[in-house]
């Protein structure tokens, strides 16, 4: 095999890997990522299920969508986001009876320190909703 063909194969392999990685990233709606980057609790709450299991610092309970939005708003007010990146995401195996849930783990850099963010999305009536959200100090 010539050097040109080997180089071409490497280029296609890299392009394939990049496309595969971007597909994994696409599992999580970009609007949710943007909400964390901008500290926009109001828009983020649009993705909350009617009741959400929420752990944000000292708050740890199942809250209504409105209560959860207030807690997250208070968190963003005290910890103004500077950067948010997803470091890992995936989906649970689905079967014929249920659609798969999606999850993500991210790093949230704020003016007051760094936080680890975990959330679980489950589809309901064709839209993904956050059923669990954890924001913990790193």
N, C-alpha and C. Protein backbone atom coordinates (compact mmCIF):
# COMPACT_ATOMS: atom_id res chain seq x y z
N UNK A 1 0.85 -1.18 0.00
CA UNK A 1 0.00 0.00 0.00
C UNK A 1 0.89 1.23 0.00
N UNK A 2 0.56 2.20 -0.80
CA UNK A 2 1.39 3.39 -0.91
C UNK A 2 1.17 4.31 0.28
N UNK A 3 2.12 5.18 0.45
CA UNK A 3 2.05 6.16 1.54
C UNK A 3 0.82 7.04 1.40
N UNK A 4 0.46 7.38 0.18
CA UNK A 4 -0.73 8.21 -0.08
C UNK A 4 -2.00 7.51 0.38
N UNK A 5 -2.13 6.23 0.08
CA UNK A 5 -3.33 5.48 0.48
C UNK A 5 -3.40 5.35 2.01
N UNK A 6 -2.26 5.12 2.66
CA UNK A 6 -2.23 5.02 4.12
C UNK A 6 -2.66 6.35 4.75
N UNK A 7 -2.18 7.44 4.21
CA UNK A 7 -2.55 8.76 4.71
C UNK A 7 -4.04 9.01 4.54
N UNK A 8 -4.57 8.63 3.39
CA UNK A 8 -5.98 8.81 3.10
C UNK A 8 -6.84 7.99 4.07
N UNK A 9 -6.42 6.77 4.37
CA UNK A 9 -7.15 5.93 5.31
C UNK A 9 -7.15 6.56 6.70
N UNK A 10 -6.02 7.10 7.13
CA UNK A 10 -5.94 7.76 8.43
C UNK A 10 -6.86 8.97 8.49
N UNK A 11 -6.90 9.75 7.43
CA UNK A 11 -7.77 10.93 7.39
C UNK A 11 -9.23 10.52 7.53
N UNK A 12 -9.65 9.48 6.77
CA UNK A 12 -11.04 9.02 6.87
C UNK A 12 -11.35 8.46 8.25
N UNK A 13 -10.40 7.79 8.87
CA UNK A 13 -10.60 7.26 10.22
C UNK A 13 -10.81 8.41 11.22
N UNK A 14 -10.03 9.45 11.10
CA UNK A 14 -10.16 10.60 11.99
C UNK A 14 -11.50 11.30 11.77
N UNK A 15 -11.87 11.50 10.52
CA UNK A 15 -13.16 12.12 10.21
C UNK A 15 -14.30 11.28 10.78
N UNK A 16 -14.23 9.97 10.63
CA UNK A 16 -15.25 9.08 11.17
C UNK A 16 -15.36 9.19 12.68
N UNK A 17 -14.22 9.24 13.36
CA UNK A 17 -14.22 9.37 14.81
C UNK A 17 -14.84 10.70 15.23
N UNK A 18 -14.49 11.78 14.57
CA UNK A 18 -15.04 13.10 14.90
C UNK A 18 -16.56 13.10 14.69
N UNK A 19 -17.03 12.54 13.60
CA UNK A 19 -18.47 12.47 13.35
C UNK A 19 -19.17 11.62 14.40
N UNK A 20 -18.57 10.50 14.78
CA UNK A 20 -19.14 9.64 15.81
C UNK A 20 -19.21 10.38 17.14
N UNK A 21 -18.15 11.07 17.51
CA UNK A 21 -18.12 11.82 18.77
C UNK A 21 -19.17 12.94 18.77
N UNK A 22 -19.35 13.61 17.64
CA UNK A 22 -20.35 14.68 17.57
C UNK A 22 -21.76 14.11 17.67
N UNK A 23 -21.99 12.89 17.17
CA UNK A 23 -23.30 12.25 17.31
C UNK A 23 -23.60 11.97 18.77
N UNK A 24 -22.60 11.50 19.53
CA UNK A 24 -22.81 11.26 20.94
C UNK A 24 -23.16 12.55 21.66
N UNK A 25 -22.44 13.62 21.33
CA UNK A 25 -22.71 14.91 21.95
C UNK A 25 -24.11 15.40 21.60
N UNK A 26 -24.60 15.06 20.41
CA UNK A 26 -25.91 15.52 19.97
C UNK A 26 -27.05 14.86 20.74
N UNK A 27 -26.78 13.82 21.52
CA UNK A 27 -27.83 13.18 22.30
C UNK A 27 -28.47 14.16 23.27
N UNK A 28 -27.68 15.05 23.82
CA UNK A 28 -28.17 16.02 24.80
C UNK A 28 -28.54 17.29 24.04
N UNK A 29 -29.78 17.77 24.21
CA UNK A 29 -30.18 18.99 23.49
C UNK A 29 -29.22 20.15 23.77
N UNK A 30 -28.79 20.80 22.73
CA UNK A 30 -27.85 21.92 22.89
C UNK A 30 -28.46 23.05 23.70
N UNK A 31 -29.79 23.17 23.69
CA UNK A 31 -30.45 24.22 24.47
C UNK A 31 -30.20 24.03 25.96
N UNK A 32 -30.16 22.78 26.42
CA UNK A 32 -29.89 22.51 27.83
C UNK A 32 -28.46 22.93 28.17
N UNK A 33 -27.52 22.59 27.31
CA UNK A 33 -26.13 22.99 27.53
C UNK A 33 -26.01 24.51 27.57
N UNK A 34 -26.72 25.19 26.67
CA UNK A 34 -26.69 26.65 26.63
C UNK A 34 -27.26 27.25 27.91
N UNK A 35 -28.31 26.64 28.45
CA UNK A 35 -28.90 27.12 29.70
C UNK A 35 -27.88 27.08 30.84
N UNK A 36 -27.11 26.00 30.92
CA UNK A 36 -26.07 25.92 31.95
C UNK A 36 -24.98 26.94 31.70
N UNK A 37 -24.56 27.11 30.46
CA UNK A 37 -23.51 28.08 30.13
C UNK A 37 -23.93 29.50 30.50
N UNK A 38 -25.22 29.81 30.26
CA UNK A 38 -25.71 31.17 30.48
C UNK A 38 -26.34 31.37 31.85
N UNK A 39 -26.49 30.31 32.62
CA UNK A 39 -27.14 30.42 33.91
C UNK A 39 -28.61 30.79 33.79
N UNK A 40 -29.28 30.25 32.78
CA UNK A 40 -30.67 30.60 32.50
C UNK A 40 -31.61 29.55 33.10
N UNK A 41 -32.00 29.77 34.35
CA UNK A 41 -32.85 28.80 35.04
C UNK A 41 -34.26 28.75 34.46
N UNK A 42 -34.74 29.86 33.93
CA UNK A 42 -36.09 29.89 33.38
C UNK A 42 -36.21 28.98 32.16
N UNK A 43 -35.26 29.10 31.23
CA UNK A 43 -35.29 28.24 30.04
C UNK A 43 -34.95 26.79 30.39
N UNK A 44 -34.05 26.61 31.35
CA UNK A 44 -33.70 25.26 31.78
C UNK A 44 -34.94 24.57 32.37
N UNK A 45 -35.74 25.30 33.12
CA UNK A 45 -36.94 24.74 33.74
C UNK A 45 -37.95 24.25 32.70
N UNK A 46 -37.89 24.76 31.49
CA UNK A 46 -38.76 24.27 30.43
C UNK A 46 -38.48 22.80 30.13
N UNK A 47 -37.31 22.32 30.50
CA UNK A 47 -36.93 20.92 30.29
C UNK A 47 -37.15 20.07 31.54
N UNK A 48 -37.60 20.68 32.63
CA UNK A 48 -37.85 19.92 33.85
C UNK A 48 -39.15 19.13 33.71
N UNK A 49 -39.14 17.91 34.25
CA UNK A 49 -40.37 17.14 34.36
C UNK A 49 -41.26 17.85 35.39
N UNK A 50 -42.53 17.50 35.46
CA UNK A 50 -43.42 18.15 36.43
C UNK A 50 -42.91 18.02 37.86
N UNK A 51 -42.31 16.88 38.19
CA UNK A 51 -41.62 16.68 39.47
C UNK A 51 -40.22 16.22 39.13
N UNK A 52 -39.24 16.79 39.82
CA UNK A 52 -37.85 16.51 39.49
C UNK A 52 -37.07 16.21 40.77
N UNK A 53 -36.26 15.15 40.69
CA UNK A 53 -35.36 14.84 41.80
C UNK A 53 -34.17 15.78 41.67
N UNK A 54 -34.01 16.65 42.65
CA UNK A 54 -33.03 17.73 42.55
C UNK A 54 -32.08 17.72 43.74
N UNK A 55 -30.80 17.77 43.44
CA UNK A 55 -29.77 17.93 44.47
C UNK A 55 -28.91 19.11 44.03
N UNK A 56 -29.06 20.22 44.75
CA UNK A 56 -28.26 21.41 44.48
C UNK A 56 -27.72 21.88 45.83
N UNK A 57 -26.45 21.62 46.05
CA UNK A 57 -25.79 21.92 47.31
C UNK A 57 -26.60 21.35 48.47
N UNK A 58 -27.18 22.19 49.34
CA UNK A 58 -27.89 21.69 50.52
C UNK A 58 -29.33 21.25 50.22
N UNK A 59 -29.86 21.54 49.05
CA UNK A 59 -31.22 21.15 48.67
C UNK A 59 -31.18 19.74 48.06
N UNK A 60 -31.95 18.83 48.65
CA UNK A 60 -31.95 17.44 48.20
C UNK A 60 -33.35 16.87 48.43
N UNK A 61 -34.17 16.86 47.36
CA UNK A 61 -35.54 16.38 47.51
C UNK A 61 -36.16 16.25 46.12
N UNK A 62 -37.40 15.83 46.10
CA UNK A 62 -38.19 15.86 44.88
C UNK A 62 -39.01 17.13 44.93
N UNK A 63 -38.86 17.96 43.89
CA UNK A 63 -39.51 19.27 43.86
C UNK A 63 -40.41 19.39 42.64
N UNK A 64 -41.37 20.29 42.73
CA UNK A 64 -42.17 20.63 41.55
C UNK A 64 -41.28 21.40 40.59
N UNK A 65 -41.74 21.52 39.38
CA UNK A 65 -40.99 22.26 38.36
C UNK A 65 -40.71 23.70 38.83
N UNK A 66 -41.72 24.36 39.40
CA UNK A 66 -41.57 25.75 39.85
C UNK A 66 -40.58 25.86 41.02
N UNK A 67 -40.68 24.95 41.98
CA UNK A 67 -39.75 24.97 43.11
C UNK A 67 -38.32 24.73 42.63
N UNK A 68 -38.14 23.77 41.74
CA UNK A 68 -36.81 23.44 41.22
C UNK A 68 -36.23 24.63 40.47
N UNK A 69 -37.05 25.32 39.69
CA UNK A 69 -36.58 26.49 38.94
C UNK A 69 -36.09 27.57 39.91
N UNK A 70 -36.78 27.78 41.04
CA UNK A 70 -36.36 28.77 42.02
C UNK A 70 -35.03 28.39 42.66
N UNK A 71 -34.86 27.12 42.98
CA UNK A 71 -33.61 26.65 43.60
C UNK A 71 -32.45 26.82 42.64
N UNK A 72 -32.65 26.44 41.38
CA UNK A 72 -31.59 26.57 40.38
C UNK A 72 -31.30 28.05 40.11
N UNK A 73 -32.33 28.87 40.09
CA UNK A 73 -32.14 30.32 39.90
C UNK A 73 -31.29 30.90 41.02
N UNK A 74 -31.58 30.51 42.24
CA UNK A 74 -30.80 30.97 43.40
C UNK A 74 -29.35 30.52 43.28
N UNK A 75 -29.15 29.27 42.83
CA UNK A 75 -27.80 28.76 42.64
C UNK A 75 -27.05 29.59 41.60
N UNK A 76 -27.68 29.84 40.44
CA UNK A 76 -27.02 30.62 39.38
C UNK A 76 -26.75 32.06 39.83
N UNK A 77 -27.62 32.63 40.65
CA UNK A 77 -27.40 33.99 41.15
C UNK A 77 -26.17 34.05 42.04
N UNK A 78 -25.99 33.00 42.85
CA UNK A 78 -24.84 32.96 43.77
C UNK A 78 -23.57 32.47 43.08
N UNK A 79 -23.71 31.75 41.98
CA UNK A 79 -22.57 31.14 41.28
C UNK A 79 -22.70 31.41 39.79
N UNK A 80 -22.31 32.58 39.38
CA UNK A 80 -22.47 33.00 37.99
C UNK A 80 -21.62 32.12 37.05
N UNK A 81 -22.26 31.39 36.13
CA UNK A 81 -21.53 30.49 35.24
C UNK A 81 -20.59 31.24 34.28
N UNK A 82 -19.44 30.61 34.07
CA UNK A 82 -18.47 31.11 33.09
C UNK A 82 -18.32 30.14 31.92
N UNK A 83 -18.45 28.83 32.21
CA UNK A 83 -18.25 27.82 31.17
C UNK A 83 -18.94 26.53 31.60
N UNK A 84 -19.51 25.82 30.61
CA UNK A 84 -20.10 24.50 30.88
C UNK A 84 -19.70 23.56 29.76
N UNK A 85 -19.18 22.40 30.14
CA UNK A 85 -18.81 21.41 29.14
C UNK A 85 -19.31 20.03 29.57
N UNK A 86 -19.83 19.29 28.62
CA UNK A 86 -20.23 17.90 28.84
C UNK A 86 -18.96 17.06 28.75
N UNK A 87 -18.70 16.26 29.78
CA UNK A 87 -17.51 15.41 29.75
C UNK A 87 -17.86 13.96 29.45
N UNK A 88 -19.12 13.60 29.66
CA UNK A 88 -19.56 12.23 29.35
C UNK A 88 -21.07 12.23 29.18
N UNK A 89 -21.55 11.48 28.21
CA UNK A 89 -22.99 11.29 28.08
C UNK A 89 -23.26 9.94 27.46
N UNK A 90 -24.49 9.52 27.56
CA UNK A 90 -24.85 8.23 27.00
C UNK A 90 -26.34 8.01 27.11
N UNK A 91 -26.74 6.80 26.82
CA UNK A 91 -28.15 6.43 26.88
C UNK A 91 -28.27 5.03 27.45
N UNK A 92 -29.39 4.81 28.13
CA UNK A 92 -29.66 3.48 28.64
C UNK A 92 -30.17 2.63 27.49
N UNK A 93 -30.04 1.34 27.62
CA UNK A 93 -30.58 0.44 26.59
C UNK A 93 -32.09 0.54 26.61
N UNK A 94 -32.65 0.62 25.43
CA UNK A 94 -34.11 0.65 25.36
C UNK A 94 -34.63 -0.69 24.88
N UNK A 95 -35.89 -0.95 25.24
CA UNK A 95 -36.53 -2.15 24.73
C UNK A 95 -37.82 -1.72 24.04
N UNK A 96 -38.60 -2.66 23.60
CA UNK A 96 -39.81 -2.32 22.86
C UNK A 96 -40.82 -1.56 23.72
N UNK A 97 -40.80 -1.77 25.04
CA UNK A 97 -41.80 -1.16 25.90
C UNK A 97 -41.46 0.29 26.28
N UNK A 98 -40.17 0.62 26.32
CA UNK A 98 -39.79 1.97 26.76
C UNK A 98 -38.75 2.56 25.83
N UNK A 99 -38.75 3.88 25.77
CA UNK A 99 -37.70 4.58 25.03
C UNK A 99 -36.52 4.74 25.97
N UNK A 100 -35.33 4.94 25.42
CA UNK A 100 -34.15 5.03 26.26
C UNK A 100 -34.05 6.39 26.94
N UNK A 101 -33.51 6.34 28.15
CA UNK A 101 -33.21 7.56 28.88
C UNK A 101 -31.80 8.00 28.50
N UNK A 102 -31.54 9.29 28.60
CA UNK A 102 -30.22 9.84 28.30
C UNK A 102 -29.67 10.48 29.57
N UNK A 103 -28.36 10.46 29.68
CA UNK A 103 -27.74 11.08 30.85
C UNK A 103 -26.50 11.84 30.41
N UNK A 104 -26.12 12.79 31.24
CA UNK A 104 -24.91 13.56 30.96
C UNK A 104 -24.23 13.94 32.27
N UNK A 105 -22.92 14.03 32.19
CA UNK A 105 -22.10 14.53 33.29
C UNK A 105 -21.30 15.69 32.72
N UNK A 106 -21.31 16.80 33.41
CA UNK A 106 -20.61 17.96 32.91
C UNK A 106 -19.86 18.71 33.99
N UNK A 107 -18.99 19.60 33.56
CA UNK A 107 -18.28 20.50 34.45
C UNK A 107 -18.83 21.90 34.27
N UNK A 108 -19.19 22.53 35.38
CA UNK A 108 -19.68 23.90 35.37
C UNK A 108 -18.67 24.77 36.09
N UNK A 109 -18.04 25.65 35.35
CA UNK A 109 -17.07 26.58 35.92
C UNK A 109 -17.81 27.87 36.24
N UNK A 110 -17.73 28.31 37.49
CA UNK A 110 -18.40 29.55 37.90
C UNK A 110 -17.37 30.49 38.53
N UNK A 111 -17.82 31.70 38.82
CA UNK A 111 -16.93 32.67 39.46
C UNK A 111 -16.56 32.25 40.87
N UNK A 112 -17.36 31.35 41.47
CA UNK A 112 -17.12 30.90 42.85
C UNK A 112 -16.57 29.49 42.93
N UNK A 113 -16.16 28.92 41.84
CA UNK A 113 -15.60 27.57 41.87
C UNK A 113 -16.20 26.68 40.81
N UNK A 114 -15.78 25.44 40.84
CA UNK A 114 -16.22 24.46 39.84
C UNK A 114 -17.20 23.47 40.45
N UNK A 115 -18.16 23.06 39.62
CA UNK A 115 -19.20 22.15 40.05
C UNK A 115 -19.33 21.01 39.05
N UNK A 116 -19.72 19.86 39.55
CA UNK A 116 -20.02 18.72 38.70
C UNK A 116 -21.54 18.70 38.54
N UNK A 117 -21.99 18.53 37.30
CA UNK A 117 -23.42 18.51 36.99
C UNK A 117 -23.77 17.15 36.40
N UNK A 118 -24.80 16.53 36.95
CA UNK A 118 -25.32 15.27 36.45
C UNK A 118 -26.79 15.48 36.13
N UNK A 119 -27.27 15.00 35.00
CA UNK A 119 -28.71 15.02 34.78
C UNK A 119 -29.15 13.84 33.94
N UNK A 120 -30.41 13.46 34.17
CA UNK A 120 -31.03 12.33 33.50
C UNK A 120 -32.26 12.82 32.75
N UNK A 121 -32.30 12.52 31.46
CA UNK A 121 -33.43 12.90 30.60
C UNK A 121 -34.23 11.66 30.25
N UNK A 122 -35.55 11.78 30.33
CA UNK A 122 -36.42 10.68 29.89
C UNK A 122 -37.45 11.26 28.93
N UNK A 123 -37.74 10.53 27.87
CA UNK A 123 -38.73 11.03 26.91
C UNK A 123 -40.16 10.89 27.44
N UNK A 124 -40.93 11.93 27.23
CA UNK A 124 -42.35 11.92 27.56
C UNK A 124 -43.07 12.63 26.43
N UNK A 125 -43.98 11.93 25.79
CA UNK A 125 -44.76 12.49 24.68
C UNK A 125 -43.86 13.13 23.61
N UNK A 126 -42.76 12.44 23.29
CA UNK A 126 -41.90 12.87 22.21
C UNK A 126 -40.88 13.95 22.56
N UNK A 127 -40.81 14.38 23.82
CA UNK A 127 -39.84 15.40 24.22
C UNK A 127 -39.06 14.90 25.42
N UNK A 128 -37.77 15.21 25.46
CA UNK A 128 -36.93 14.82 26.59
C UNK A 128 -37.11 15.80 27.73
N UNK A 129 -37.34 15.26 28.93
CA UNK A 129 -37.47 16.07 30.14
C UNK A 129 -36.45 15.63 31.17
N UNK A 130 -35.95 16.58 31.93
CA UNK A 130 -35.00 16.29 33.00
C UNK A 130 -35.78 15.74 34.19
N UNK A 131 -35.47 14.51 34.59
CA UNK A 131 -36.11 13.87 35.73
C UNK A 131 -35.24 13.95 36.97
N UNK A 132 -33.92 14.02 36.77
CA UNK A 132 -32.98 14.13 37.88
C UNK A 132 -31.92 15.15 37.51
N UNK A 133 -31.54 15.97 38.50
CA UNK A 133 -30.48 16.97 38.30
C UNK A 133 -29.70 17.09 39.59
N UNK A 134 -28.39 16.98 39.47
CA UNK A 134 -27.48 17.15 40.62
C UNK A 134 -26.42 18.17 40.25
N UNK A 135 -26.20 19.11 41.14
CA UNK A 135 -25.11 20.08 41.00
C UNK A 135 -24.33 20.02 42.30
N UNK A 136 -23.10 19.53 42.22
CA UNK A 136 -22.28 19.31 43.41
C UNK A 136 -20.94 20.02 43.28
N UNK A 137 -20.46 20.54 44.38
CA UNK A 137 -19.16 21.19 44.43
C UNK A 137 -18.07 20.19 44.11
N UNK A 138 -17.09 20.58 43.29
CA UNK A 138 -15.97 19.68 42.96
C UNK A 138 -14.87 19.86 43.98
